[in-house]
C-alpha atoms as a PDB file:
ATOM      1  CA  MET A   1     -21.127   4.041 -78.573  1.00  0.00           C
ATOM      2  CA  LYS A   2     -23.281   1.851 -76.493  1.00  0.00           C
ATOM      3  CA  ALA A   3     -25.790   1.312 -79.336  1.00  0.00           C
ATOM      4  CA  LEU A   4     -23.477   0.134 -81.878  1.00  0.00           C
ATOM      5  CA  LEU A   5     -21.543  -2.195 -79.670  1.00  0.00           C
ATOM      6  CA  SER A   6     -24.841  -3.992 -78.378  1.00  0.00           C
ATOM      7  CA  ALA A   7     -25.789  -4.320 -81.897  1.00  0.00           C
ATOM      8  CA  LEU A   8     -21.885  -5.891 -82.934  1.00  0.00           C
ATOM      9  CA  PHE A   9     -22.730  -8.092 -79.830  1.00  0.00           C
ATOM     10  CA  ALA A  10     -26.256  -8.901 -80.923  1.00  0.00           C
ATOM     11  CA  VAL A  11     -24.701  -9.332 -84.590  1.00  0.00           C
ATOM     12  CA  MET A  12     -21.867 -11.794 -83.184  1.00  0.00           C
ATOM     13  CA  ILE A  13     -24.216 -13.978 -81.142  1.00  0.00           C
ATOM     14  CA  ALA A  14     -26.345 -14.561 -84.498  1.00  0.00           C
ATOM     15  CA  VAL A  15     -23.295 -15.741 -86.111  1.00  0.00           C
ATOM     16  CA  THR A  16     -22.486 -18.313 -83.594  1.00  0.00           C
ATOM     17  CA  PHE A  17     -25.937 -19.590 -83.618  1.00  0.00           C
ATOM     18  CA  ALA A  18     -26.312 -19.848 -87.121  1.00  0.00           C
ATOM     19  CA  GLY A  19     -22.557 -21.269 -87.692  1.00  0.00           C
ATOM     20  CA  SER A  20     -23.550 -23.936 -84.903  1.00  0.00           C
ATOM     21  CA  THR A  21     -27.079 -25.055 -86.105  1.00  0.00           C
ATOM     22  CA  TYR A  22     -25.303 -25.309 -89.497  1.00  0.00           C
ATOM     23  CA  ALA A  23     -22.442 -27.854 -88.434  1.00  0.00           C
ATOM     24  CA  ALA A  24     -24.965 -29.717 -86.543  1.00  0.00           C
ATOM     25  CA  GLU A  25     -26.872 -30.658 -90.079  1.00  0.00           C
ATOM     26  CA  GLU A  26     -23.734 -31.018 -91.759  1.00  0.00           C
ATOM     27  CA  LYS A  27     -22.803 -33.506 -89.235  1.00  0.00           C
ATOM     28  CA  LYS A  28     -26.014 -35.217 -89.569  1.00  0.00           C
ATOM     29  CA  MET A  29     -25.773 -35.146 -93.663  1.00  0.00           C
ATOM     30  CA  ASP A  30     -22.491 -37.045 -93.330  1.00  0.00           C
ATOM     31  CA  ALA A  31     -23.363 -39.747 -90.885  1.00  0.00           C
ATOM     32  CA  PRO A  32     -23.754 -42.946 -92.504  1.00  0.00           C
ATOM     33  CA  ALA A  33     -26.787 -44.560 -93.604  1.00  0.00           C
ATOM     34  CA  GLY A  34     -27.524 -46.986 -91.037  1.00  0.00           C
ATOM     35  CA  ALA A  35     -25.947 -44.531 -87.926  1.00  0.00           C
ATOM     36  CA  PRO A  36     -28.510 -43.567 -85.167  1.00  0.00           C
ATOM     37  CA  GLY A  37     -29.042 -39.947 -85.430  1.00  0.00           C
ATOM     38  CA  ALA A  38     -29.059 -40.088 -89.550  1.00  0.00           C
ATOM     39  CA  PRO A  39     -31.707 -39.161 -91.884  1.00  0.00           C
ATOM     40  CA  ALA A  40     -33.471 -41.704 -93.521  1.00  0.00           C
ATOM     41  CA  ALA A  41     -33.394 -42.267 -96.903  1.00  0.00           C
ATOM     42  CA  PRO A  42     -36.269 -40.676 -99.041  1.00  0.00           C
ATOM     43  CA  ALA A  43     -38.042 -43.608-100.670  1.00  0.00           C
ATOM     44  CA  ALA A  44     -39.464 -40.930-103.633  1.00  0.00           C
ATOM     45  CA  PRO A  45     -38.176 -37.046-104.583  1.00  0.00           C
ATOM     46  CA  ALA A  46     -39.620 -34.810-102.394  1.00  0.00           C
ATOM     47  CA  ALA A  47     -42.744 -32.700-103.746  1.00  0.00           C
ATOM     48  CA  PRO A  48     -41.886 -28.905-104.347  1.00  0.00           C
ATOM     49  CA  ALA A  49     -43.235 -27.394-100.697  1.00  0.00           C
ATOM     50  CA  ALA A  50     -46.495 -25.260-101.761  1.00  0.00           C
ATOM     51  CA  THR A  51     -45.588 -21.556-101.104  1.00  0.00           C
ATOM     52  CA  PRO A  52     -47.459 -19.925 -98.199  1.00  0.00           C
ATOM     53  CA  ALA A  53     -49.970 -17.096 -98.696  1.00  0.00           C
ATOM     54  CA  VAL A  54     -48.813 -13.450 -97.977  1.00  0.00           C
ATOM     55  CA  GLY A  55     -50.638 -12.279 -94.758  1.00  0.00           C
ATOM     56  CA  GLY A  56     -51.844 -15.255 -93.459  1.00  0.00           C
ATOM     57  CA  GLU A  57     -54.446 -15.846 -96.263  1.00  0.00           C
ATOM     58  CA  MET A  58     -53.991 -19.433 -95.745  1.00  0.00           C
ATOM     59  CA  LYS A  59     -54.838 -19.733 -92.053  1.00  0.00           C
ATOM     60  CA  LYS A  60     -58.152 -18.098 -93.172  1.00  0.00           C
ATOM     61  CA  GLU A  61     -58.553 -20.846 -96.015  1.00  0.00           C
ATOM     62  CA  GLU A  62     -58.003 -23.326 -93.510  1.00  0.00           C
ATOM     63  CA  LYS A  63     -60.191 -21.822 -91.423  1.00  0.00           C
ATOM     64  CA  LYS A  64     -63.167 -21.545 -93.956  1.00  0.00           C
ATOM     65  CA  ALA A  65     -62.519 -24.941 -95.043  1.00  0.00           C
ATOM     66  CA  ALA A  66     -62.882 -26.368 -91.573  1.00  0.00           C
ATOM     67  CA  LYS A  67     -65.945 -24.640 -90.993  1.00  0.00           C
ATOM     68  CA  LYS A  68     -67.564 -25.629 -94.069  1.00  0.00           C
ATOM     69  CA  GLU A  69     -66.120 -29.575 -93.444  1.00  0.00           C
ATOM     70  CA  ARG A  70     -68.178 -28.920 -89.750  1.00  0.00           C
ATOM     71  CA  LYS A  71     -71.237 -28.102 -91.272  1.00  0.00           C
ATOM     72  CA  ALA A  72     -71.676 -30.861 -93.813  1.00  0.00           C
ATOM     73  CA  LYS A  73     -71.152 -33.330 -91.306  1.00  0.00           C
ATOM     74  CA  LYS A  74     -73.632 -31.867 -88.912  1.00  0.00           C
ATOM     75  CA  ALA A  75     -76.120 -31.834 -91.711  1.00  0.00           C
ATOM     76  CA  MET A  76     -75.175 -35.242 -92.813  1.00  0.00           C
ATOM     77  CA  LYS A  77     -75.758 -35.985 -88.684  1.00  0.00           C
ATOM     78  CA  GLU A  78     -79.439 -34.169 -89.243  1.00  0.00           C
ATOM     79  CA  GLU A  79     -80.435 -35.820 -92.178  1.00  0.00           C
ATOM     80  CA  LYS A  80     -79.916 -39.248 -90.636  1.00  0.00           C
ATOM     81  CA  LYS A  81     -81.781 -38.274 -87.589  1.00  0.00           C
ATOM     82  CA  GLU A  82     -84.917 -36.895 -90.054  1.00  0.00           C
ATOM     83  CA  GLU A  83     -84.371 -40.301 -92.075  1.00  0.00           C
ATOM     84  CA  LYS A  84     -84.727 -42.862 -88.567  1.00  0.00           C
ATOM     85  CA  LYS A  85     -87.865 -40.778 -87.802  1.00  0.00           C
END
């Protein structure tokens, strides 16, 4: 019985939070364009968002790319030092 009541209580809190968040977003969207707190009008249509890879693969790829970039910069610095000598 306690588990059932606690589950219902958690669902009620989640629904309340989601509803208030949605209402706040709707209020921002209904505001006139020049009003403070209103979202700026987009200059161009938004590009579709890139879908993140499953399992954190995107982060791994980003880390690899950053590591390659650092290595390339380090190699360029070493080449410049060698040219000066």
